[in-house]
C-alpha atoms as a PDB file:
ATOM      1  CA  UNK A   1      13.981   4.598 -10.423  1.00  0.00           C
ATOM      2  CA  UNK A   2      13.028   1.451  -8.551  1.00  0.00           C
ATOM      3  CA  UNK A   3      10.220  -0.782  -9.903  1.00  0.00           C
ATOM      4  CA  UNK A   4       8.186  -3.273  -7.667  1.00  0.00           C
ATOM      5  CA  UNK A   5       5.893  -5.779  -9.179  1.00  0.00           C
ATOM      6  CA  UNK A   6       2.567  -6.520  -7.537  1.00  0.00           C
ATOM      7  CA  UNK A   7       0.996  -9.669  -8.472  1.00  0.00           C
ATOM      8  CA  UNK A   8      -2.652  -9.952  -7.037  1.00  0.00           C
ATOM      9  CA  UNK A   9      -5.870 -10.386  -8.656  1.00  0.00           C
ATOM     10  CA  UNK A  10      -4.487  -7.490 -10.851  1.00  0.00           C
ATOM     11  CA  UNK A  11      -0.863  -7.286 -11.839  1.00  0.00           C
ATOM     12  CA  UNK A  12       0.628  -4.065 -11.819  1.00  0.00           C
ATOM     13  CA  UNK A  13       3.970  -1.923 -11.193  1.00  0.00           C
ATOM     14  CA  UNK A  14       4.721   0.773  -8.307  1.00  0.00           C
ATOM     15  CA  UNK A  15       7.331   2.843  -9.915  1.00  0.00           C
ATOM     16  CA  UNK A  16       9.349   4.974  -7.283  1.00  0.00           C
ATOM     17  CA  UNK A  17      11.899   7.623  -8.339  1.00  0.00           C
ATOM     18  CA  UNK A  18      12.518  11.243  -9.224  1.00  0.00           C
ATOM     19  CA  UNK A  19      10.767  13.515 -11.731  1.00  0.00           C
ATOM     20  CA  UNK A  20       7.980  10.951 -12.606  1.00  0.00           C
ATOM     21  CA  UNK A  21       5.067  13.567 -12.527  1.00  0.00           C
ATOM     22  CA  UNK A  22       6.297  14.822 -16.068  1.00  0.00           C
ATOM     23  CA  UNK A  23       6.049  11.221 -17.379  1.00  0.00           C
ATOM     24  CA  UNK A  24       2.453  10.420 -16.114  1.00  0.00           C
ATOM     25  CA  UNK A  25       0.854  11.026 -19.507  1.00  0.00           C
ATOM     26  CA  UNK A  26       3.334   8.660 -21.166  1.00  0.00           C
ATOM     27  CA  UNK A  27       2.844   6.062 -18.575  1.00  0.00           C
ATOM     28  CA  UNK A  28      -0.838   6.140 -18.489  1.00  0.00           C
ATOM     29  CA  UNK A  29      -0.956   5.521 -22.378  1.00  0.00           C
ATOM     30  CA  UNK A  30       0.948   2.221 -21.755  1.00  0.00           C
ATOM     31  CA  UNK A  31      -2.194   0.895 -20.208  1.00  0.00           C
ATOM     32  CA  UNK A  32      -3.643   1.059 -23.534  1.00  0.00           C
ATOM     33  CA  UNK A  33      -7.125   2.365 -24.939  1.00  0.00           C
ATOM     34  CA  UNK A  34      -7.218   5.274 -22.617  1.00  0.00           C
ATOM     35  CA  UNK A  35      -8.983   8.280 -23.991  1.00  0.00           C
ATOM     36  CA  UNK A  36      -9.642  10.471 -21.117  1.00  0.00           C
ATOM     37  CA  UNK A  37      -8.380  10.895 -17.368  1.00  0.00           C
ATOM     38  CA  UNK A  38      -9.988  12.401 -14.602  1.00  0.00           C
ATOM     39  CA  UNK A  39      -7.739  13.549 -11.928  1.00  0.00           C
ATOM     40  CA  UNK A  40      -8.790  13.503  -8.332  1.00  0.00           C
ATOM     41  CA  UNK A  41      -6.820  15.849  -5.974  1.00  0.00           C
ATOM     42  CA  UNK A  42      -7.128  18.155  -3.009  1.00  0.00           C
ATOM     43  CA  UNK A  43      -6.711  21.905  -2.363  1.00  0.00           C
ATOM     44  CA  UNK A  44      -3.282  21.396  -0.946  1.00  0.00           C
ATOM     45  CA  UNK A  45      -1.769  19.336  -3.679  1.00  0.00           C
ATOM     46  CA  UNK A  46      -3.388  20.649  -6.660  1.00  0.00           C
ATOM     47  CA  UNK A  47      -1.891  24.089  -6.607  1.00  0.00           C
ATOM     48  CA  UNK A  48       1.509  22.433  -6.338  1.00  0.00           C
ATOM     49  CA  UNK A  49       1.278  19.666  -8.905  1.00  0.00           C
ATOM     50  CA  UNK A  50      -1.978  19.731 -10.734  1.00  0.00           C
ATOM     51  CA  UNK A  51      -0.533  21.908 -13.630  1.00  0.00           C
ATOM     52  CA  UNK A  52       2.440  19.794 -14.257  1.00  0.00           C
ATOM     53  CA  UNK A  53       0.064  16.665 -14.371  1.00  0.00           C
ATOM     54  CA  UNK A  54      -2.412  18.181 -16.733  1.00  0.00           C
ATOM     55  CA  UNK A  55       0.383  19.181 -18.816  1.00  0.00           C
ATOM     56  CA  UNK A  56       1.726  15.555 -19.050  1.00  0.00           C
ATOM     57  CA  UNK A  57      -1.590  14.182 -19.914  1.00  0.00           C
ATOM     58  CA  UNK A  58      -2.336  16.785 -22.497  1.00  0.00           C
ATOM     59  CA  UNK A  59       0.977  16.155 -24.130  1.00  0.00           C
ATOM     60  CA  UNK A  60       0.515  12.590 -24.477  1.00  0.00           C
ATOM     61  CA  UNK A  61      -2.643  13.240 -26.451  1.00  0.00           C
ATOM     62  CA  UNK A  62      -5.203  12.465 -23.557  1.00  0.00           C
ATOM     63  CA  UNK A  63      -8.284  14.400 -22.719  1.00  0.00           C
ATOM     64  CA  UNK A  64      -8.502  15.239 -18.942  1.00  0.00           C
ATOM     65  CA  UNK A  65     -10.743  16.800 -16.318  1.00  0.00           C
ATOM     66  CA  UNK A  66     -10.240  17.126 -12.621  1.00  0.00           C
ATOM     67  CA  UNK A  67     -12.109  16.968  -9.472  1.00  0.00           C
ATOM     68  CA  UNK A  68     -10.911  18.690  -6.317  1.00  0.00           C
ATOM     69  CA  UNK A  69     -11.842  18.196  -2.637  1.00  0.00           C
ATOM     70  CA  UNK A  70     -10.875  20.093   0.346  1.00  0.00           C
ATOM     71  CA  UNK A  71      -7.737  18.659   2.050  1.00  0.00           C
ATOM     72  CA  UNK A  72      -8.386  16.614   5.093  1.00  0.00           C
ATOM     73  CA  UNK A  73     -10.084  13.420   6.402  1.00  0.00           C
ATOM     74  CA  UNK A  74     -13.389  14.971   6.511  1.00  0.00           C
ATOM     75  CA  UNK A  75     -13.732  15.240   2.885  1.00  0.00           C
ATOM     76  CA  UNK A  76     -13.588  11.295   2.529  1.00  0.00           C
ATOM     77  CA  UNK A  77     -17.422  11.438   2.814  1.00  0.00           C
ATOM     78  CA  UNK A  78     -20.550   9.935   1.102  1.00  0.00           C
ATOM     79  CA  UNK A  79     -21.303  13.458  -0.435  1.00  0.00           C
ATOM     80  CA  UNK A  80     -18.009  13.934  -2.125  1.00  0.00           C
ATOM     81  CA  UNK A  81     -18.107  10.417  -3.249  1.00  0.00           C
ATOM     82  CA  UNK A  82     -21.450  10.964  -4.962  1.00  0.00           C
ATOM     83  CA  UNK A  83     -20.309  14.063  -6.292  1.00  0.00           C
ATOM     84  CA  UNK A  84     -17.248  12.604  -8.034  1.00  0.00           C
ATOM     85  CA  UNK A  85     -19.463   9.677  -9.450  1.00  0.00           C
ATOM     86  CA  UNK A  86     -21.571  12.495 -10.991  1.00  0.00           C
ATOM     87  CA  UNK A  87     -18.614  14.321 -12.411  1.00  0.00           C
ATOM     88  CA  UNK A  88     -17.187  11.056 -13.833  1.00  0.00           C
ATOM     89  CA  UNK A  89     -20.718  10.609 -15.450  1.00  0.00           C
ATOM     90  CA  UNK A  90     -21.008  14.307 -16.837  1.00  0.00           C
ATOM     91  CA  UNK A  91     -17.493  13.921 -18.377  1.00  0.00           C
ATOM     92  CA  UNK A  92     -18.552  10.850 -19.930  1.00  0.00           C
ATOM     93  CA  UNK A  93     -15.702   8.564 -18.736  1.00  0.00           C
ATOM     94  CA  UNK A  94     -15.916   4.983 -20.133  1.00  0.00           C
ATOM     95  CA  UNK A  95     -14.683   1.708 -18.796  1.00  0.00           C
ATOM     96  CA  UNK A  96     -11.354   2.001 -20.692  1.00  0.00           C
ATOM     97  CA  UNK A  97     -10.624   5.525 -19.142  1.00  0.00           C
ATOM     98  CA  UNK A  98      -8.858   6.117 -16.000  1.00  0.00           C
ATOM     99  CA  UNK A  99      -9.188   7.987 -12.685  1.00  0.00           C
ATOM    100  CA  UNK A 100      -5.847   9.353 -11.328  1.00  0.00           C
ATOM    101  CA  UNK A 101      -5.677   9.960  -7.517  1.00  0.00           C
ATOM    102  CA  UNK A 102      -3.008  13.002  -7.148  1.00  0.00           C
ATOM    103  CA  UNK A 103      -2.398  13.278  -3.419  1.00  0.00           C
ATOM    104  CA  UNK A 104      -2.309  11.440  -0.165  1.00  0.00           C
ATOM    105  CA  UNK A 105      -4.406   8.597   1.343  1.00  0.00           C
ATOM    106  CA  UNK A 106      -7.695  10.616   1.617  1.00  0.00           C
ATOM    107  CA  UNK A 107      -7.660  11.265  -2.140  1.00  0.00           C
ATOM    108  CA  UNK A 108      -6.543   7.693  -2.922  1.00  0.00           C
ATOM    109  CA  UNK A 109      -9.376   6.172  -0.810  1.00  0.00           C
ATOM    110  CA  UNK A 110     -12.016   8.293  -2.343  1.00  0.00           C
ATOM    111  CA  UNK A 111     -10.755   8.025  -6.021  1.00  0.00           C
ATOM    112  CA  UNK A 112     -10.366   4.453  -5.689  1.00  0.00           C
ATOM    113  CA  UNK A 113     -13.855   3.655  -4.075  1.00  0.00           C
ATOM    114  CA  UNK A 114     -15.102   5.674  -6.912  1.00  0.00           C
ATOM    115  CA  UNK A 115     -12.916   3.802  -9.604  1.00  0.00           C
ATOM    116  CA  UNK A 116     -14.518   0.428  -8.012  1.00  0.00           C
ATOM    117  CA  UNK A 117     -18.174   1.354  -8.229  1.00  0.00           C
ATOM    118  CA  UNK A 118     -18.433   3.784 -11.278  1.00  0.00           C
ATOM    119  CA  UNK A 119     -19.694   1.643 -14.466  1.00  0.00           C
ATOM    120  CA  UNK A 120     -19.025  -1.337 -11.914  1.00  0.00           C
ATOM    121  CA  UNK A 121     -15.474  -0.668 -12.246  1.00  0.00           C
ATOM    122  CA  UNK A 122     -12.923   1.493 -14.230  1.00  0.00           C
ATOM    123  CA  UNK A 123      -9.076   1.534 -14.040  1.00  0.00           C
ATOM    124  CA  UNK A 124      -7.396   4.107 -11.783  1.00  0.00           C
ATOM    125  CA  UNK A 125      -3.709   5.275 -11.149  1.00  0.00           C
ATOM    126  CA  UNK A 126      -2.244   6.174  -7.844  1.00  0.00           C
ATOM    127  CA  UNK A 127       0.123   9.097  -7.727  1.00  0.00           C
ATOM    128  CA  UNK A 128       0.968   9.279  -3.958  1.00  0.00           C
ATOM    129  CA  UNK A 129       2.325  12.685  -2.777  1.00  0.00           C
ATOM    130  CA  UNK A 130       2.560  11.881   0.961  1.00  0.00           C
ATOM    131  CA  UNK A 131       4.980   9.545   2.430  1.00  0.00           C
ATOM    132  CA  UNK A 132       2.093   7.747   4.020  1.00  0.00           C
ATOM    133  CA  UNK A 133       0.344   7.064   1.002  1.00  0.00           C
ATOM    134  CA  UNK A 134       3.562   6.054  -0.690  1.00  0.00           C
ATOM    135  CA  UNK A 135       4.429   3.364   1.640  1.00  0.00           C
ATOM    136  CA  UNK A 136       0.967   2.193   2.571  1.00  0.00           C
ATOM    137  CA  UNK A 137      -2.463   3.478   1.143  1.00  0.00           C
ATOM    138  CA  UNK A 138      -1.674   3.469  -2.563  1.00  0.00           C
ATOM    139  CA  UNK A 139      -0.509  -0.290  -2.744  1.00  0.00           C
ATOM    140  CA  UNK A 140      -2.848  -3.169  -2.123  1.00  0.00           C
ATOM    141  CA  UNK A 141      -6.252  -2.162  -3.307  1.00  0.00           C
ATOM    142  CA  UNK A 142      -8.089  -1.107  -0.246  1.00  0.00           C
ATOM    143  CA  UNK A 143     -10.359   1.833  -0.918  1.00  0.00           C
ATOM    144  CA  UNK A 144     -13.070   3.418   1.287  1.00  0.00           C
ATOM    145  CA  UNK A 145     -14.841   6.501   2.632  1.00  0.00           C
ATOM    146  CA  UNK A 146     -15.765   7.175   6.360  1.00  0.00           C
ATOM    147  CA  UNK A 147     -19.233   7.118   7.716  1.00  0.00           C
ATOM    148  CA  UNK A 148     -20.355   8.993  10.701  1.00  0.00           C
ATOM    149  CA  UNK A 149     -19.943   6.005  12.960  1.00  0.00           C
ATOM    150  CA  UNK A 150     -16.537   5.318  11.843  1.00  0.00           C
ATOM    151  CA  UNK A 151     -13.434   5.277   9.676  1.00  0.00           C
ATOM    152  CA  UNK A 152     -13.427   3.393   6.341  1.00  0.00           C
ATOM    153  CA  UNK A 153     -16.786   1.588   6.904  1.00  0.00           C
ATOM    154  CA  UNK A 154     -17.751   1.765   3.337  1.00  0.00           C
ATOM    155  CA  UNK A 155     -15.229   0.667   0.684  1.00  0.00           C
ATOM    156  CA  UNK A 156     -14.184  -2.143  -1.873  1.00  0.00           C
ATOM    157  CA  UNK A 157     -11.071  -3.990  -2.683  1.00  0.00           C
ATOM    158  CA  UNK A 158      -9.884  -2.320  -5.916  1.00  0.00           C
ATOM    159  CA  UNK A 159      -6.153  -2.768  -7.106  1.00  0.00           C
ATOM    160  CA  UNK A 160      -4.852   0.196  -9.212  1.00  0.00           C
ATOM    161  CA  UNK A 161      -3.627  -0.249 -12.574  1.00  0.00           C
ATOM    162  CA  UNK A 162      -0.381   1.446 -11.762  1.00  0.00           C
ATOM    163  CA  UNK A 163       1.438   3.410  -8.842  1.00  0.00           C
ATOM    164  CA  UNK A 164       3.757   6.256  -9.721  1.00  0.00           C
ATOM    165  CA  UNK A 165       5.583   7.547  -6.616  1.00  0.00           C
ATOM    166  CA  UNK A 166       7.504  10.861  -7.476  1.00  0.00           C
ATOM    167  CA  UNK A 167       9.807  11.090  -4.259  1.00  0.00           C
ATOM    168  CA  UNK A 168      10.448  14.797  -5.407  1.00  0.00           C
ATOM    169  CA  UNK A 169       6.673  15.687  -4.094  1.00  0.00           C
ATOM    170  CA  UNK A 170       7.637  14.665  -0.622  1.00  0.00           C
ATOM    171  CA  UNK A 171      10.041  17.884  -0.690  1.00  0.00           C
ATOM    172  CA  UNK A 172       6.932  19.814  -0.316  1.00  0.00           C
ATOM    173  CA  UNK A 173       5.537  18.184   2.772  1.00  0.00           C
ATOM    174  CA  UNK A 174       5.720  19.963   6.111  1.00  0.00           C
ATOM    175  CA  UNK A 175       8.013  18.036   8.374  1.00  0.00           C
ATOM    176  CA  UNK A 176       4.982  17.063  10.675  1.00  0.00           C
ATOM    177  CA  UNK A 177       3.320  15.333   7.867  1.00  0.00           C
ATOM    178  CA  UNK A 178       6.413  13.631   6.701  1.00  0.00           C
ATOM    179  CA  UNK A 179       6.825  12.199  10.127  1.00  0.00           C
ATOM    180  CA  UNK A 180       3.164  10.798   9.953  1.00  0.00           C
ATOM    181  CA  UNK A 181       4.231   8.569   7.157  1.00  0.00           C
ATOM    182  CA  UNK A 182       7.143   7.603   9.360  1.00  0.00           C
ATOM    183  CA  UNK A 183       4.726   5.885  11.502  1.00  0.00           C
ATOM    184  CA  UNK A 184       3.782   3.499   8.723  1.00  0.00           C
ATOM    185  CA  UNK A 185       7.515   2.826   7.992  1.00  0.00           C
ATOM    186  CA  UNK A 186       8.082   1.910  11.719  1.00  0.00           C
ATOM    187  CA  UNK A 187       5.034  -0.201  11.728  1.00  0.00           C
ATOM    188  CA  UNK A 188       6.451  -1.997   8.680  1.00  0.00           C
ATOM    189  CA  UNK A 189       9.803  -2.445  10.472  1.00  0.00           C
ATOM    190  CA  UNK A 190       8.130  -3.688  13.619  1.00  0.00           C
ATOM    191  CA  UNK A 191       6.177  -6.209  11.643  1.00  0.00           C
ATOM    192  CA  UNK A 192       8.613  -7.781   9.219  1.00  0.00           C
ATOM    193  CA  UNK A 193      12.190  -6.278   9.156  1.00  0.00           C
ATOM    194  CA  UNK A 194      14.540  -5.987  12.156  1.00  0.00           C
ATOM    195  CA  UNK A 195      17.188  -4.448   9.599  1.00  0.00           C
ATOM    196  CA  UNK A 196      14.680  -1.704   8.689  1.00  0.00           C
ATOM    197  CA  UNK A 197      14.299  -0.972  12.239  1.00  0.00           C
ATOM    198  CA  UNK A 198      17.943  -0.726  12.948  1.00  0.00           C
ATOM    199  CA  UNK A 199      18.346   1.633   9.926  1.00  0.00           C
ATOM    200  CA  UNK A 200      15.398   3.807  11.497  1.00  0.00           C
ATOM    201  CA  UNK A 201      17.083   4.026  14.637  1.00  0.00           C
ATOM    202  CA  UNK A 202      20.381   5.001  13.189  1.00  0.00           C
ATOM    203  CA  UNK A 203      19.327   7.458  10.523  1.00  0.00           C
ATOM    204  CA  UNK A 204      15.736   8.791  11.783  1.00  0.00           C
ATOM    205  CA  UNK A 205      14.512  11.362   9.212  1.00  0.00           C
ATOM    206  CA  UNK A 206      17.719  11.058   7.079  1.00  0.00           C
ATOM    207  CA  UNK A 207      16.752   7.609   5.837  1.00  0.00           C
ATOM    208  CA  UNK A 208      17.224   7.009   2.134  1.00  0.00           C
ATOM    209  CA  UNK A 209      13.668   7.809   0.694  1.00  0.00           C
ATOM    210  CA  UNK A 210      13.890   5.643  -2.486  1.00  0.00           C
ATOM    211  CA  UNK A 211      15.326   2.503  -0.707  1.00  0.00           C
ATOM    212  CA  UNK A 212      13.139   2.735   2.344  1.00  0.00           C
ATOM    213  CA  UNK A 213       9.883   3.476   0.306  1.00  0.00           C
ATOM    214  CA  UNK A 214      10.752   0.326  -2.113  1.00  0.00           C
ATOM    215  CA  UNK A 215      11.418  -1.744   1.061  1.00  0.00           C
ATOM    216  CA  UNK A 216       7.971  -1.098   2.610  1.00  0.00           C
ATOM    217  CA  UNK A 217       6.121  -1.479  -0.662  1.00  0.00           C
ATOM    218  CA  UNK A 218       7.990  -4.817  -1.064  1.00  0.00           C
ATOM    219  CA  UNK A 219       6.831  -6.075   2.290  1.00  0.00           C
ATOM    220  CA  UNK A 220       3.353  -4.996   1.544  1.00  0.00           C
ATOM    221  CA  UNK A 221       3.503  -6.660  -1.974  1.00  0.00           C
ATOM    222  CA  UNK A 222       4.191 -10.105  -0.219  1.00  0.00           C
ATOM    223  CA  UNK A 223       1.525 -10.014   2.294  1.00  0.00           C
ATOM    224  CA  UNK A 224      -0.973  -8.828  -0.215  1.00  0.00           C
ATOM    225  CA  UNK A 225       0.040 -11.533  -2.649  1.00  0.00           C
ATOM    226  CA  UNK A 226      -0.521 -14.261   0.198  1.00  0.00           C
ATOM    227  CA  UNK A 227      -3.727 -12.521   1.686  1.00  0.00           C
ATOM    228  CA  UNK A 228      -5.214 -10.134  -0.825  1.00  0.00           C
ATOM    229  CA  UNK A 229      -8.772  -9.728   0.719  1.00  0.00           C
ATOM    230  CA  UNK A 230      -7.638  -9.274   4.449  1.00  0.00           C
ATOM    231  CA  UNK A 231      -8.873 -12.633   5.819  1.00  0.00           C
ATOM    232  CA  UNK A 232      -5.683 -13.896   7.682  1.00  0.00           C
ATOM    233  CA  UNK A 233      -1.963 -12.565   7.427  1.00  0.00           C
ATOM    234  CA  UNK A 234      -2.928  -9.342   5.861  1.00  0.00           C
ATOM    235  CA  UNK A 235      -4.507  -8.291   9.111  1.00  0.00           C
ATOM    236  CA  UNK A 236      -1.076  -7.806  10.545  1.00  0.00           C
ATOM    237  CA  UNK A 237      -0.795  -4.468   8.694  1.00  0.00           C
ATOM    238  CA  UNK A 238      -3.345  -3.283  11.149  1.00  0.00           C
ATOM    239  CA  UNK A 239      -0.653  -3.209  13.951  1.00  0.00           C
ATOM    240  CA  UNK A 240      -1.691  -0.063  16.030  1.00  0.00           C
ATOM    241  CA  UNK A 241      -4.649   0.639  13.882  1.00  0.00           C
ATOM    242  CA  UNK A 242      -7.636  -0.854  15.929  1.00  0.00           C
ATOM    243  CA  UNK A 243      -6.858   1.799  18.893  1.00  0.00           C
ATOM    244  CA  UNK A 244      -5.229   4.178  16.422  1.00  0.00           C
ATOM    245  CA  UNK A 245      -8.605   4.472  14.466  1.00  0.00           C
ATOM    246  CA  UNK A 246     -10.282   5.150  17.528  1.00  0.00           C
ATOM    247  CA  UNK A 247      -7.974   7.761  18.617  1.00  0.00           C
ATOM    248  CA  UNK A 248      -8.171   9.449  15.083  1.00  0.00           C
ATOM    249  CA  UNK A 249     -12.074   9.190  15.057  1.00  0.00           C
ATOM    250  CA  UNK A 250     -12.783  10.417  18.762  1.00  0.00           C
ATOM    251  CA  UNK A 251     -10.413  13.484  17.943  1.00  0.00           C
ATOM    252  CA  UNK A 252     -12.831  14.333  15.141  1.00  0.00           C
ATOM    253  CA  UNK A 253      -9.855  13.812  12.837  1.00  0.00           C
ATOM    254  CA  UNK A 254      -7.919  16.751  14.262  1.00  0.00           C
ATOM    255  CA  UNK A 255      -5.394  14.330  15.135  1.00  0.00           C
ATOM    256  CA  UNK A 256      -3.620  12.738  11.998  1.00  0.00           C
ATOM    257  CA  UNK A 257      -3.759   9.231  11.069  1.00  0.00           C
ATOM    258  CA  UNK A 258       0.032   8.615  11.175  1.00  0.00           C
ATOM    259  CA  UNK A 259       0.131  10.256  14.889  1.00  0.00           C
ATOM    260  CA  UNK A 260      -3.103   8.278  15.758  1.00  0.00           C
ATOM    261  CA  UNK A 261      -1.315   4.903  14.652  1.00  0.00           C
ATOM    262  CA  UNK A 262       1.715   5.967  16.509  1.00  0.00           C
ATOM    263  CA  UNK A 263      -0.233   6.002  19.694  1.00  0.00           C
ATOM    264  CA  UNK A 264      -2.182   2.855  18.924  1.00  0.00           C
ATOM    265  CA  UNK A 265       1.103   1.091  18.315  1.00  0.00           C
ATOM    266  CA  UNK A 266       2.602   2.160  21.694  1.00  0.00           C
ATOM    267  CA  UNK A 267      -0.527   1.368  23.578  1.00  0.00           C
ATOM    268  CA  UNK A 268      -0.512  -2.079  21.980  1.00  0.00           C
ATOM    269  CA  UNK A 269       3.231  -2.512  22.770  1.00  0.00           C
ATOM    270  CA  UNK A 270       2.952  -1.590  26.444  1.00  0.00           C
ATOM    271  CA  UNK A 271      -0.245  -3.858  26.929  1.00  0.00           C
ATOM    272  CA  UNK A 272       1.701  -6.632  25.336  1.00  0.00           C
ATOM    273  CA  UNK A 273       4.424  -6.236  27.744  1.00  0.00           C
ATOM    274  CA  UNK A 274       2.292  -6.141  30.700  1.00  0.00           C
ATOM    275  CA  UNK A 275       0.306  -9.154  29.704  1.00  0.00           C
ATOM    276  CA  UNK A 276       3.680 -11.228  29.024  1.00  0.00           C
ATOM    277  CA  UNK A 277       3.129 -11.582  25.242  1.00  0.00           C
ATOM    278  CA  UNK A 278       6.290  -9.591  24.453  1.00  0.00           C
ATOM    279  CA  UNK A 279       9.288  -8.545  26.507  1.00  0.00           C
ATOM    280  CA  UNK A 280       9.656  -5.129  28.172  1.00  0.00           C
ATOM    281  CA  UNK A 281      12.748  -4.585  26.012  1.00  0.00           C
ATOM    282  CA  UNK A 282      10.721  -4.983  22.892  1.00  0.00           C
ATOM    283  CA  UNK A 283       7.964  -2.514  23.870  1.00  0.00           C
ATOM    284  CA  UNK A 284      10.694   0.066  25.126  1.00  0.00           C
ATOM    285  CA  UNK A 285      12.302  -0.165  21.677  1.00  0.00           C
ATOM    286  CA  UNK A 286       9.048   0.347  19.822  1.00  0.00           C
ATOM    287  CA  UNK A 287       8.188   3.359  22.027  1.00  0.00           C
ATOM    288  CA  UNK A 288      11.661   4.977  21.779  1.00  0.00           C
ATOM    289  CA  UNK A 289      11.665   4.750  18.167  1.00  0.00           C
ATOM    290  CA  UNK A 290       8.364   6.401  17.866  1.00  0.00           C
ATOM    291  CA  UNK A 291       9.468   9.066  20.174  1.00  0.00           C
ATOM    292  CA  UNK A 292      12.817   9.464  18.490  1.00  0.00           C
ATOM    293  CA  UNK A 293      10.650  10.575  15.313  1.00  0.00           C
ATOM    294  CA  UNK A 294       8.684  12.813  17.453  1.00  0.00           C
ATOM    295  CA  UNK A 295       5.651  10.865  17.230  1.00  0.00           C
ATOM    296  CA  UNK A 296       3.042  10.958  20.114  1.00  0.00           C
ATOM    297  CA  UNK A 297       2.829   7.576  22.290  1.00  0.00           C
ATOM    298  CA  UNK A 298      -0.117   8.640  24.687  1.00  0.00           C
ATOM    299  CA  UNK A 299      -3.527   9.807  24.765  1.00  0.00           C
ATOM    300  CA  UNK A 300      -5.669  11.430  27.278  1.00  0.00           C
ATOM    301  CA  UNK A 301      -8.832   9.540  25.929  1.00  0.00           C
ATOM    302  CA  UNK A 302     -10.045   6.830  28.378  1.00  0.00           C
ATOM    303  CA  UNK A 303     -10.077   3.202  27.867  1.00  0.00           C
ATOM    304  CA  UNK A 304     -13.796   3.173  28.181  1.00  0.00           C
ATOM    305  CA  UNK A 305     -14.338   5.382  25.288  1.00  0.00           C
ATOM    306  CA  UNK A 306     -11.657   3.832  22.966  1.00  0.00           C
ATOM    307  CA  UNK A 307     -13.081   0.512  23.655  1.00  0.00           C
ATOM    308  CA  UNK A 308     -16.491   1.472  22.713  1.00  0.00           C
ATOM    309  CA  UNK A 309     -15.235   2.719  19.496  1.00  0.00           C
ATOM    310  CA  UNK A 310     -13.345  -0.442  18.842  1.00  0.00           C
ATOM    311  CA  UNK A 311     -16.344  -2.499  19.119  1.00  0.00           C
ATOM    312  CA  UNK A 312     -17.397  -0.974  15.497  1.00  0.00           C
ATOM    313  CA  UNK A 313     -14.127  -1.574  14.152  1.00  0.00           C
ATOM    314  CA  UNK A 314     -14.722  -3.188  10.588  1.00  0.00           C
ATOM    315  CA  UNK A 315     -12.259  -5.994  11.240  1.00  0.00           C
ATOM    316  CA  UNK A 316     -14.352  -7.300  14.030  1.00  0.00           C
ATOM    317  CA  UNK A 317     -15.955 -10.872  13.558  1.00  0.00           C
ATOM    318  CA  UNK A 318     -18.962 -11.637  15.806  1.00  0.00           C
ATOM    319  CA  UNK A 319     -17.919 -11.026  19.221  1.00  0.00           C
ATOM    320  CA  UNK A 320     -14.019 -11.424  18.495  1.00  0.00           C
ATOM    321  CA  UNK A 321     -11.586  -8.971  17.082  1.00  0.00           C
ATOM    322  CA  UNK A 322      -7.957  -9.584  16.231  1.00  0.00           C
ATOM    323  CA  UNK A 323      -5.253  -7.465  17.758  1.00  0.00           C
ATOM    324  CA  UNK A 324      -1.852  -7.491  16.275  1.00  0.00           C
ATOM    325  CA  UNK A 325       0.720  -8.118  19.018  1.00  0.00           C
ATOM    326  CA  UNK A 326       4.565  -7.482  18.691  1.00  0.00           C
ATOM    327  CA  UNK A 327       6.353 -10.645  19.942  1.00  0.00           C
ATOM    328  CA  UNK A 328       9.588  -9.237  19.065  1.00  0.00           C
ATOM    329  CA  UNK A 329      10.927  -6.721  16.463  1.00  0.00           C
ATOM    330  CA  UNK A 330      10.189  -8.250  13.099  1.00  0.00           C
ATOM    331  CA  UNK A 331       7.657 -10.903  14.431  1.00  0.00           C
ATOM    332  CA  UNK A 332       3.977  -9.970  15.144  1.00  0.00           C
ATOM    333  CA  UNK A 333       1.135 -12.374  15.702  1.00  0.00           C
ATOM    334  CA  UNK A 334      -2.613 -12.250  15.343  1.00  0.00           C
ATOM    335  CA  UNK A 335      -4.075 -12.341  18.944  1.00  0.00           C
ATOM    336  CA  UNK A 336      -7.847 -12.917  18.811  1.00  0.00           C
ATOM    337  CA  UNK A 337      -9.841 -11.622  21.784  1.00  0.00           C
ATOM    338  CA  UNK A 338     -13.377 -11.348  22.860  1.00  0.00           C
ATOM    339  CA  UNK A 339     -14.935  -7.857  22.153  1.00  0.00           C
ATOM    340  CA  UNK A 340     -15.625  -7.653  25.894  1.00  0.00           C
ATOM    341  CA  UNK A 341     -11.931  -7.638  26.819  1.00  0.00           C
ATOM    342  CA  UNK A 342     -10.723  -4.923  24.965  1.00  0.00           C
ATOM    343  CA  UNK A 343     -11.293  -2.313  27.463  1.00  0.00           C
ATOM    344  CA  UNK A 344      -8.945  -3.984  29.849  1.00  0.00           C
ATOM    345  CA  UNK A 345      -6.126  -4.561  27.365  1.00  0.00           C
ATOM    346  CA  UNK A 346      -6.498  -0.787  26.309  1.00  0.00           C
ATOM    347  CA  UNK A 347      -6.323   0.119  29.890  1.00  0.00           C
ATOM    348  CA  UNK A 348      -3.121  -1.828  30.351  1.00  0.00           C
ATOM    349  CA  UNK A 349      -1.493  -0.051  27.509  1.00  0.00           C
ATOM    350  CA  UNK A 350      -2.487   3.518  28.507  1.00  0.00           C
END
């Protein structure tokens, strides 16, 4: 097992290894003063792992309840958020109790936002069961729900009390979903780590899961520690996301987050090369690796429609938005542009 220490406004551990689901009750008890745990999960994950997690909690002497949502991005909405708050109230959870998010990014975001706001904040534990959640969304404290006008527009920063990543759960993922998580790993390599990029080029899907997940979490730890509230360097983690979120939203979430980010990353890399902000070699390497993982790199959506969506991006500041530009593998910059220029930049990358 690998343990990564996170030191932000709250310090906590990310534990990555095998057979951790059976230890969840004992691990949560280490937080102290826990009486009850509400497990939040979805219709895909609960039939696979719900009973094992419940058994572990009860064996540890904890009371447990659960709240289930249909699998998919559509469930990260205001109605389910309010239903979850009511469920927590009806089951009389207190500030020393715990919400446990068992699932992928949708479950983690919804559960985390509820934890941030119920009783003005209670503890929560992330139990990621997708590669995407393991390497990205379960760590760093961003929680949110979607609004009709865009993704993640209502949310809060709320660091978990613990992250338990049982890599055995990744074995149940369809390969297509596993590849979605690879898009975030590739993003991390482009941002920070030429050595990781080389490993991914050599190993593709055969990479060592524990060490690569730990590597990504370590990079995220460092940037969260430097900029927890996303006012500067942490914005680099949005490489590919400004355009990617628009691809995802305009597809009505029929295209997954990972695939959308892959498209967004490729578009920005091609645009950067055309604008002279990075070499053509760098853009080609990025696109090649994405394609080697069988991730999409193009979209039929127009620059006009993508730009209109990008203008609602939550990271916009007045009339300016920061794009993340890959200068070379392992080095990216924040590149502020006028919101009026976003269409021409996207057009250059299509």
